C-alpha atoms as a PDB file:
ATOM      1  CA  UNK A   1      21.821 -13.067  21.374  1.00  0.00           C
ATOM      2  CA  UNK A   2      20.959 -12.901  17.702  1.00  0.00           C
ATOM      3  CA  UNK A   3      23.985 -12.618  15.444  1.00  0.00           C
ATOM      4  CA  UNK A   4      24.085 -11.144  11.941  1.00  0.00           C
ATOM      5  CA  UNK A   5      24.195 -14.484  10.114  1.00  0.00           C
ATOM      6  CA  UNK A   6      21.819 -16.412  12.393  1.00  0.00           C
ATOM      7  CA  UNK A   7      18.838 -18.255  10.922  1.00  0.00           C
ATOM      8  CA  UNK A   8      15.935 -19.987  12.617  1.00  0.00           C
ATOM      9  CA  UNK A   9      12.380 -21.070  11.993  1.00  0.00           C
ATOM     10  CA  UNK A  10       9.661 -21.109  14.654  1.00  0.00           C
ATOM     11  CA  UNK A  11      12.252 -21.036  17.440  1.00  0.00           C
ATOM     12  CA  UNK A  12      10.926 -20.510  21.002  1.00  0.00           C
ATOM     13  CA  UNK A  13      11.992 -17.353  22.823  1.00  0.00           C
ATOM     14  CA  UNK A  14      13.918 -18.033  26.034  1.00  0.00           C
ATOM     15  CA  UNK A  15      13.703 -15.463  28.802  1.00  0.00           C
ATOM     16  CA  UNK A  16      16.310 -15.460  31.566  1.00  0.00           C
ATOM     17  CA  UNK A  17      15.795 -13.445  34.757  1.00  0.00           C
ATOM     18  CA  UNK A  18      18.837 -13.012  36.935  1.00  0.00           C
ATOM     19  CA  UNK A  19      17.894 -13.089  40.625  1.00  0.00           C
ATOM     20  CA  UNK A  20      21.397 -12.755  42.028  1.00  0.00           C
ATOM     21  CA  UNK A  21      24.980 -13.451  41.059  1.00  0.00           C
ATOM     22  CA  UNK A  22      24.462 -17.155  41.793  1.00  0.00           C
ATOM     23  CA  UNK A  23      20.888 -17.829  40.689  1.00  0.00           C
ATOM     24  CA  UNK A  24      18.530 -17.106  37.815  1.00  0.00           C
ATOM     25  CA  UNK A  25      15.176 -18.249  36.423  1.00  0.00           C
ATOM     26  CA  UNK A  26      14.506 -19.369  32.827  1.00  0.00           C
ATOM     27  CA  UNK A  27      11.251 -19.637  30.918  1.00  0.00           C
ATOM     28  CA  UNK A  28      10.063 -19.987  27.314  1.00  0.00           C
ATOM     29  CA  UNK A  29       7.404 -17.773  25.789  1.00  0.00           C
ATOM     30  CA  UNK A  30       4.448 -19.119  23.827  1.00  0.00           C
ATOM     31  CA  UNK A  31       5.466 -16.922  20.884  1.00  0.00           C
ATOM     32  CA  UNK A  32       8.080 -18.112  18.402  1.00  0.00           C
ATOM     33  CA  UNK A  33      10.462 -16.264  16.118  1.00  0.00           C
ATOM     34  CA  UNK A  34      11.780 -16.990  12.622  1.00  0.00           C
ATOM     35  CA  UNK A  35      14.903 -15.450  11.077  1.00  0.00           C
ATOM     36  CA  UNK A  36      14.812 -16.271   7.347  1.00  0.00           C
ATOM     37  CA  UNK A  37      16.989 -13.780   5.438  1.00  0.00           C
ATOM     38  CA  UNK A  38      17.193 -16.064   2.393  1.00  0.00           C
ATOM     39  CA  UNK A  39      13.394 -15.964   1.964  1.00  0.00           C
ATOM     40  CA  UNK A  40      12.913 -12.192   2.291  1.00  0.00           C
ATOM     41  CA  UNK A  41      11.784  -9.969   0.740  1.00  0.00           C
ATOM     42  CA  UNK A  42       8.820 -11.997  -0.467  1.00  0.00           C
ATOM     43  CA  UNK A  43       5.890 -11.178  -2.761  1.00  0.00           C
ATOM     44  CA  UNK A  44       2.227 -11.661  -1.884  1.00  0.00           C
ATOM     45  CA  UNK A  45      -0.991 -10.853  -3.734  1.00  0.00           C
ATOM     46  CA  UNK A  46      -3.999  -9.326  -1.994  1.00  0.00           C
ATOM     47  CA  UNK A  47      -7.112 -11.494  -1.792  1.00  0.00           C
ATOM     48  CA  UNK A  48     -10.611 -11.400  -0.353  1.00  0.00           C
ATOM     49  CA  UNK A  49     -13.172  -8.638  -0.130  1.00  0.00           C
ATOM     50  CA  UNK A  50     -11.828  -5.130   0.560  1.00  0.00           C
ATOM     51  CA  UNK A  51      -8.268  -5.867   1.717  1.00  0.00           C
ATOM     52  CA  UNK A  52      -6.642  -3.075   3.698  1.00  0.00           C
ATOM     53  CA  UNK A  53      -3.321  -1.933   5.119  1.00  0.00           C
ATOM     54  CA  UNK A  54      -2.964  -1.120   8.801  1.00  0.00           C
ATOM     55  CA  UNK A  55      -0.727   1.703  10.009  1.00  0.00           C
ATOM     56  CA  UNK A  56       0.741  -0.439  12.794  1.00  0.00           C
ATOM     57  CA  UNK A  57       0.160  -3.428  15.030  1.00  0.00           C
ATOM     58  CA  UNK A  58      -2.114  -1.608  17.472  1.00  0.00           C
ATOM     59  CA  UNK A  59      -5.615  -2.959  18.017  1.00  0.00           C
ATOM     60  CA  UNK A  60      -8.899  -1.743  19.429  1.00  0.00           C
ATOM     61  CA  UNK A  61     -12.552  -2.666  19.006  1.00  0.00           C
ATOM     62  CA  UNK A  62     -12.526  -1.128  15.500  1.00  0.00           C
ATOM     63  CA  UNK A  63      -9.477  -3.135  14.427  1.00  0.00           C
ATOM     64  CA  UNK A  64      -6.741  -0.501  14.654  1.00  0.00           C
ATOM     65  CA  UNK A  65      -5.807   2.500  12.501  1.00  0.00           C
ATOM     66  CA  UNK A  66      -5.830   1.890   8.745  1.00  0.00           C
ATOM     67  CA  UNK A  67      -3.643   3.468   6.088  1.00  0.00           C
ATOM     68  CA  UNK A  68      -6.284   2.648   3.504  1.00  0.00           C
ATOM     69  CA  UNK A  69      -8.084   0.012   1.457  1.00  0.00           C
ATOM     70  CA  UNK A  70      -6.575  -1.463  -1.707  1.00  0.00           C
ATOM     71  CA  UNK A  71      -7.906  -3.589  -4.541  1.00  0.00           C
ATOM     72  CA  UNK A  72      -7.802  -7.365  -4.771  1.00  0.00           C
ATOM     73  CA  UNK A  73      -5.021  -8.757  -6.965  1.00  0.00           C
ATOM     74  CA  UNK A  74      -2.392  -6.188  -5.935  1.00  0.00           C
ATOM     75  CA  UNK A  75       1.158  -7.516  -5.574  1.00  0.00           C
ATOM     76  CA  UNK A  76       2.951  -6.315  -2.451  1.00  0.00           C
ATOM     77  CA  UNK A  77       6.510  -6.703  -1.184  1.00  0.00           C
ATOM     78  CA  UNK A  78       6.696  -8.503   2.168  1.00  0.00           C
ATOM     79  CA  UNK A  79       9.494  -7.552   4.581  1.00  0.00           C
ATOM     80  CA  UNK A  80       8.468  -9.708   7.528  1.00  0.00           C
ATOM     81  CA  UNK A  81       5.603 -10.837   9.717  1.00  0.00           C
ATOM     82  CA  UNK A  82       4.368 -10.198  13.244  1.00  0.00           C
ATOM     83  CA  UNK A  83       1.544 -12.313  14.597  1.00  0.00           C
ATOM     84  CA  UNK A  84      -1.073 -12.575  11.850  1.00  0.00           C
ATOM     85  CA  UNK A  85       0.022  -9.521   9.861  1.00  0.00           C
ATOM     86  CA  UNK A  86       2.561  -9.171   7.054  1.00  0.00           C
ATOM     87  CA  UNK A  87       4.901  -6.178   7.026  1.00  0.00           C
ATOM     88  CA  UNK A  88       4.517  -4.516   3.603  1.00  0.00           C
ATOM     89  CA  UNK A  89       7.099  -2.225   1.975  1.00  0.00           C
ATOM     90  CA  UNK A  90       5.671   1.139   0.931  1.00  0.00           C
ATOM     91  CA  UNK A  91       8.761   3.066  -0.109  1.00  0.00           C
ATOM     92  CA  UNK A  92      11.886   3.793   1.894  1.00  0.00           C
ATOM     93  CA  UNK A  93      10.112   5.663   4.690  1.00  0.00           C
ATOM     94  CA  UNK A  94       6.823   3.805   5.193  1.00  0.00           C
ATOM     95  CA  UNK A  95       5.479   0.319   5.871  1.00  0.00           C
ATOM     96  CA  UNK A  96       1.963  -1.035   6.155  1.00  0.00           C
ATOM     97  CA  UNK A  97       0.592  -4.165   7.800  1.00  0.00           C
ATOM     98  CA  UNK A  98      -1.551  -6.539   5.758  1.00  0.00           C
ATOM     99  CA  UNK A  99      -3.648  -9.133   7.664  1.00  0.00           C
ATOM    100  CA  UNK A 100      -2.750 -12.639   6.502  1.00  0.00           C
ATOM    101  CA  UNK A 101      -6.422 -13.337   5.738  1.00  0.00           C
ATOM    102  CA  UNK A 102      -6.083 -10.921   2.800  1.00  0.00           C
ATOM    103  CA  UNK A 103      -2.768 -12.230   1.458  1.00  0.00           C
ATOM    104  CA  UNK A 104      -1.534 -15.159  -0.583  1.00  0.00           C
ATOM    105  CA  UNK A 105       2.218 -15.699  -0.681  1.00  0.00           C
ATOM    106  CA  UNK A 106       3.726 -16.249  -4.114  1.00  0.00           C
ATOM    107  CA  UNK A 107       6.782 -18.464  -4.806  1.00  0.00           C
ATOM    108  CA  UNK A 108      10.107 -17.253  -3.376  1.00  0.00           C
ATOM    109  CA  UNK A 109      11.565 -16.492  -6.816  1.00  0.00           C
ATOM    110  CA  UNK A 110       8.677 -14.165  -7.808  1.00  0.00           C
ATOM    111  CA  UNK A 111      10.053 -10.769  -8.987  1.00  0.00           C
ATOM    112  CA  UNK A 112       9.388  -7.807  -6.725  1.00  0.00           C
ATOM    113  CA  UNK A 113       6.350  -5.695  -7.764  1.00  0.00           C
ATOM    114  CA  UNK A 114       7.745  -2.898  -9.923  1.00  0.00           C
ATOM    115  CA  UNK A 115       6.322  -1.150 -12.981  1.00  0.00           C
ATOM    116  CA  UNK A 116       6.683   1.860 -15.218  1.00  0.00           C
ATOM    117  CA  UNK A 117       3.794   4.307 -14.927  1.00  0.00           C
ATOM    118  CA  UNK A 118       2.594   5.241 -18.385  1.00  0.00           C
ATOM    119  CA  UNK A 119       0.074   7.656 -19.854  1.00  0.00           C
ATOM    120  CA  UNK A 120      -2.732   9.339 -17.926  1.00  0.00           C
ATOM    121  CA  UNK A 121      -6.192  10.159 -19.269  1.00  0.00           C
ATOM    122  CA  UNK A 122      -8.982  12.225 -17.756  1.00  0.00           C
ATOM    123  CA  UNK A 123     -12.623  12.074 -18.834  1.00  0.00           C
ATOM    124  CA  UNK A 124     -16.019  12.690 -17.277  1.00  0.00           C
ATOM    125  CA  UNK A 125     -19.785  12.458 -17.401  1.00  0.00           C
ATOM    126  CA  UNK A 126     -22.647  14.139 -15.590  1.00  0.00           C
ATOM    127  CA  UNK A 127     -21.957  12.314 -12.309  1.00  0.00           C
ATOM    128  CA  UNK A 128     -18.202  11.902 -12.054  1.00  0.00           C
ATOM    129  CA  UNK A 129     -14.767  12.504 -13.503  1.00  0.00           C
ATOM    130  CA  UNK A 130     -12.419   9.559 -14.075  1.00  0.00           C
ATOM    131  CA  UNK A 131      -8.630   9.678 -14.105  1.00  0.00           C
ATOM    132  CA  UNK A 132      -6.995   6.555 -15.567  1.00  0.00           C
ATOM    133  CA  UNK A 133      -3.353   5.621 -14.972  1.00  0.00           C
ATOM    134  CA  UNK A 134      -1.610   2.989 -17.112  1.00  0.00           C
ATOM    135  CA  UNK A 135       0.568   0.441 -15.269  1.00  0.00           C
ATOM    136  CA  UNK A 136       2.264  -2.813 -16.183  1.00  0.00           C
ATOM    137  CA  UNK A 137       0.954  -4.596 -13.080  1.00  0.00           C
ATOM    138  CA  UNK A 138      -1.195  -3.876 -10.040  1.00  0.00           C
ATOM    139  CA  UNK A 139       0.945  -2.004  -7.507  1.00  0.00           C
ATOM    140  CA  UNK A 140      -0.003  -0.947  -3.959  1.00  0.00           C
ATOM    141  CA  UNK A 141      -1.276   2.598  -3.512  1.00  0.00           C
ATOM    142  CA  UNK A 142      -2.532   5.029  -0.897  1.00  0.00           C
ATOM    143  CA  UNK A 143      -4.831   7.998  -1.489  1.00  0.00           C
ATOM    144  CA  UNK A 144      -5.553  11.159   0.460  1.00  0.00           C
ATOM    145  CA  UNK A 145      -7.460  14.379  -0.079  1.00  0.00           C
ATOM    146  CA  UNK A 146      -6.275  17.952   0.425  1.00  0.00           C
ATOM    147  CA  UNK A 147      -8.885  20.496   1.480  1.00  0.00           C
ATOM    148  CA  UNK A 148      -7.225  23.809   0.594  1.00  0.00           C
ATOM    149  CA  UNK A 149      -6.686  23.954  -2.288  1.00  0.00           C
ATOM    150  CA  UNK A 150      -8.925  20.924  -3.040  1.00  0.00           C
ATOM    151  CA  UNK A 151      -6.961  18.040  -4.529  1.00  0.00           C
ATOM    152  CA  UNK A 152      -6.587  14.259  -4.428  1.00  0.00           C
ATOM    153  CA  UNK A 153      -3.122  12.739  -3.979  1.00  0.00           C
ATOM    154  CA  UNK A 154      -2.398   9.122  -4.917  1.00  0.00           C
ATOM    155  CA  UNK A 155       0.921   7.489  -4.035  1.00  0.00           C
ATOM    156  CA  UNK A 156       1.872   4.430  -6.106  1.00  0.00           C
ATOM    157  CA  UNK A 157       4.577   2.253  -4.543  1.00  0.00           C
ATOM    158  CA  UNK A 158       6.866   0.364  -6.881  1.00  0.00           C
ATOM    159  CA  UNK A 159       6.176   2.792  -9.731  1.00  0.00           C
ATOM    160  CA  UNK A 160       8.682   4.705 -11.873  1.00  0.00           C
ATOM    161  CA  UNK A 161       7.495   7.418 -14.202  1.00  0.00           C
ATOM    162  CA  UNK A 162       7.291   6.916 -17.932  1.00  0.00           C
ATOM    163  CA  UNK A 163       4.433   9.424 -18.134  1.00  0.00           C
ATOM    164  CA  UNK A 164       4.914  11.320 -21.353  1.00  0.00           C
ATOM    165  CA  UNK A 165       1.240  11.942 -22.136  1.00  0.00           C
ATOM    166  CA  UNK A 166      -1.530  13.398 -19.981  1.00  0.00           C
ATOM    167  CA  UNK A 167      -4.807  13.647 -21.901  1.00  0.00           C
ATOM    168  CA  UNK A 168      -7.451  15.939 -20.390  1.00  0.00           C
ATOM    169  CA  UNK A 169     -10.872  15.785 -22.050  1.00  0.00           C
ATOM    170  CA  UNK A 170     -13.265  18.706 -21.681  1.00  0.00           C
ATOM    171  CA  UNK A 171     -15.883  16.418 -20.177  1.00  0.00           C
ATOM    172  CA  UNK A 172     -13.741  16.220 -17.014  1.00  0.00           C
ATOM    173  CA  UNK A 173     -15.085  19.561 -15.841  1.00  0.00           C
ATOM    174  CA  UNK A 174     -14.351  18.962 -12.163  1.00  0.00           C
ATOM    175  CA  UNK A 175     -10.629  18.371 -12.693  1.00  0.00           C
ATOM    176  CA  UNK A 176      -8.449  21.473 -12.869  1.00  0.00           C
ATOM    177  CA  UNK A 177      -5.145  19.746 -13.614  1.00  0.00           C
ATOM    178  CA  UNK A 178      -3.260  16.455 -13.264  1.00  0.00           C
ATOM    179  CA  UNK A 179       0.454  16.282 -12.457  1.00  0.00           C
ATOM    180  CA  UNK A 180       2.990  13.707 -11.285  1.00  0.00           C
ATOM    181  CA  UNK A 181       6.196  13.622  -9.223  1.00  0.00           C
ATOM    182  CA  UNK A 182       8.834  10.951  -8.697  1.00  0.00           C
ATOM    183  CA  UNK A 183       9.079  11.214  -4.911  1.00  0.00           C
ATOM    184  CA  UNK A 184      11.844   8.629  -4.598  1.00  0.00           C
ATOM    185  CA  UNK A 185      13.088   5.403  -6.096  1.00  0.00           C
ATOM    186  CA  UNK A 186       9.977   3.353  -7.003  1.00  0.00           C
ATOM    187  CA  UNK A 187       7.640   5.948  -5.453  1.00  0.00           C
ATOM    188  CA  UNK A 188       5.327   7.772  -7.874  1.00  0.00           C
ATOM    189  CA  UNK A 189       2.893  10.480  -6.770  1.00  0.00           C
ATOM    190  CA  UNK A 190      -0.156  11.635  -8.728  1.00  0.00           C
ATOM    191  CA  UNK A 191      -1.801  14.948  -7.810  1.00  0.00           C
ATOM    192  CA  UNK A 192      -5.282  15.784  -9.111  1.00  0.00           C
ATOM    193  CA  UNK A 193      -6.232  19.429  -8.539  1.00  0.00           C
ATOM    194  CA  UNK A 194      -9.994  20.034  -8.482  1.00  0.00           C
ATOM    195  CA  UNK A 195     -12.130  22.914  -9.702  1.00  0.00           C
ATOM    196  CA  UNK A 196     -14.780  22.408  -7.030  1.00  0.00           C
ATOM    197  CA  UNK A 197     -14.453  24.295  -3.768  1.00  0.00           C
ATOM    198  CA  UNK A 198     -15.117  21.144  -1.715  1.00  0.00           C
ATOM    199  CA  UNK A 199     -14.892  17.374  -1.987  1.00  0.00           C
ATOM    200  CA  UNK A 200     -17.924  15.242  -2.856  1.00  0.00           C
ATOM    201  CA  UNK A 201     -16.248  11.855  -2.588  1.00  0.00           C
ATOM    202  CA  UNK A 202     -13.848   9.721  -4.602  1.00  0.00           C
ATOM    203  CA  UNK A 203     -12.827   6.107  -5.087  1.00  0.00           C
ATOM    204  CA  UNK A 204      -9.508   4.578  -6.147  1.00  0.00           C
ATOM    205  CA  UNK A 205      -8.965   1.045  -7.444  1.00  0.00           C
ATOM    206  CA  UNK A 206      -8.053  -1.292 -10.269  1.00  0.00           C
ATOM    207  CA  UNK A 207     -11.036  -2.052 -12.475  1.00  0.00           C
ATOM    208  CA  UNK A 208      -9.686  -3.665 -15.648  1.00  0.00           C
ATOM    209  CA  UNK A 209      -6.314  -5.380 -15.706  1.00  0.00           C
ATOM    210  CA  UNK A 210      -3.596  -3.147 -14.303  1.00  0.00           C
ATOM    211  CA  UNK A 211      -5.128   0.267 -15.059  1.00  0.00           C
ATOM    212  CA  UNK A 212      -5.668   2.336 -11.916  1.00  0.00           C
ATOM    213  CA  UNK A 213      -8.879   4.399 -11.869  1.00  0.00           C
ATOM    214  CA  UNK A 214      -9.627   7.413  -9.668  1.00  0.00           C
ATOM    215  CA  UNK A 215     -13.350   8.212  -9.752  1.00  0.00           C
ATOM    216  CA  UNK A 216     -14.240  11.689  -8.485  1.00  0.00           C
ATOM    217  CA  UNK A 217     -17.832  12.589  -7.709  1.00  0.00           C
ATOM    218  CA  UNK A 218     -19.207  15.841  -9.075  1.00  0.00           C
ATOM    219  CA  UNK A 219     -21.456  18.141  -7.018  1.00  0.00           C
ATOM    220  CA  UNK A 220     -25.088  16.981  -6.939  1.00  0.00           C
ATOM    221  CA  UNK A 221     -27.401  18.522  -9.478  1.00  0.00           C
ATOM    222  CA  UNK A 222     -30.060  20.721  -7.898  1.00  0.00           C
END
């Protein structure tokens, strides 16, 4: 039995099957378990080409259900590990799973990824509108689209609002409004309401330093 203060590293798992009152069988699994409370939570940075977060540990021929793709260089808070995937904190009610091939662990004493979310600016050109969000460091995020009314929602994990300015240039003709909510401690939500009646595609990522960019395609010119 595992007790509250137990610690172990790469310990084999012993399975005991009781056959009767007098006899039982014991075996050890190939898997091993580590209990390292002094080393968790831990911080990792995303690496490689198109890192992503899985919704769970399930697998199929397509690789399992994904929460979404995130940029390279994003710092994430690690809560544990199962197999070859790190358990990533995404607020108090959600976790994601980051394959170890897309993660590099940082030293144990690295501060947890947290940042104030600053000003927001919206601009556009003939092909797209761009919403820029100022951050102190690259934080993990998830994005989704709402069909009715059309909008894009971006959740930033580890972010606390210091958004006092939202600048909306006239060139951003496809964006109706931009608003934010502090969903919970260290959970910032950005909502971009659109003027268009349908979605034409969007992309979210860090392009320069720690500024998050949401690029929203405009309807094709006919």
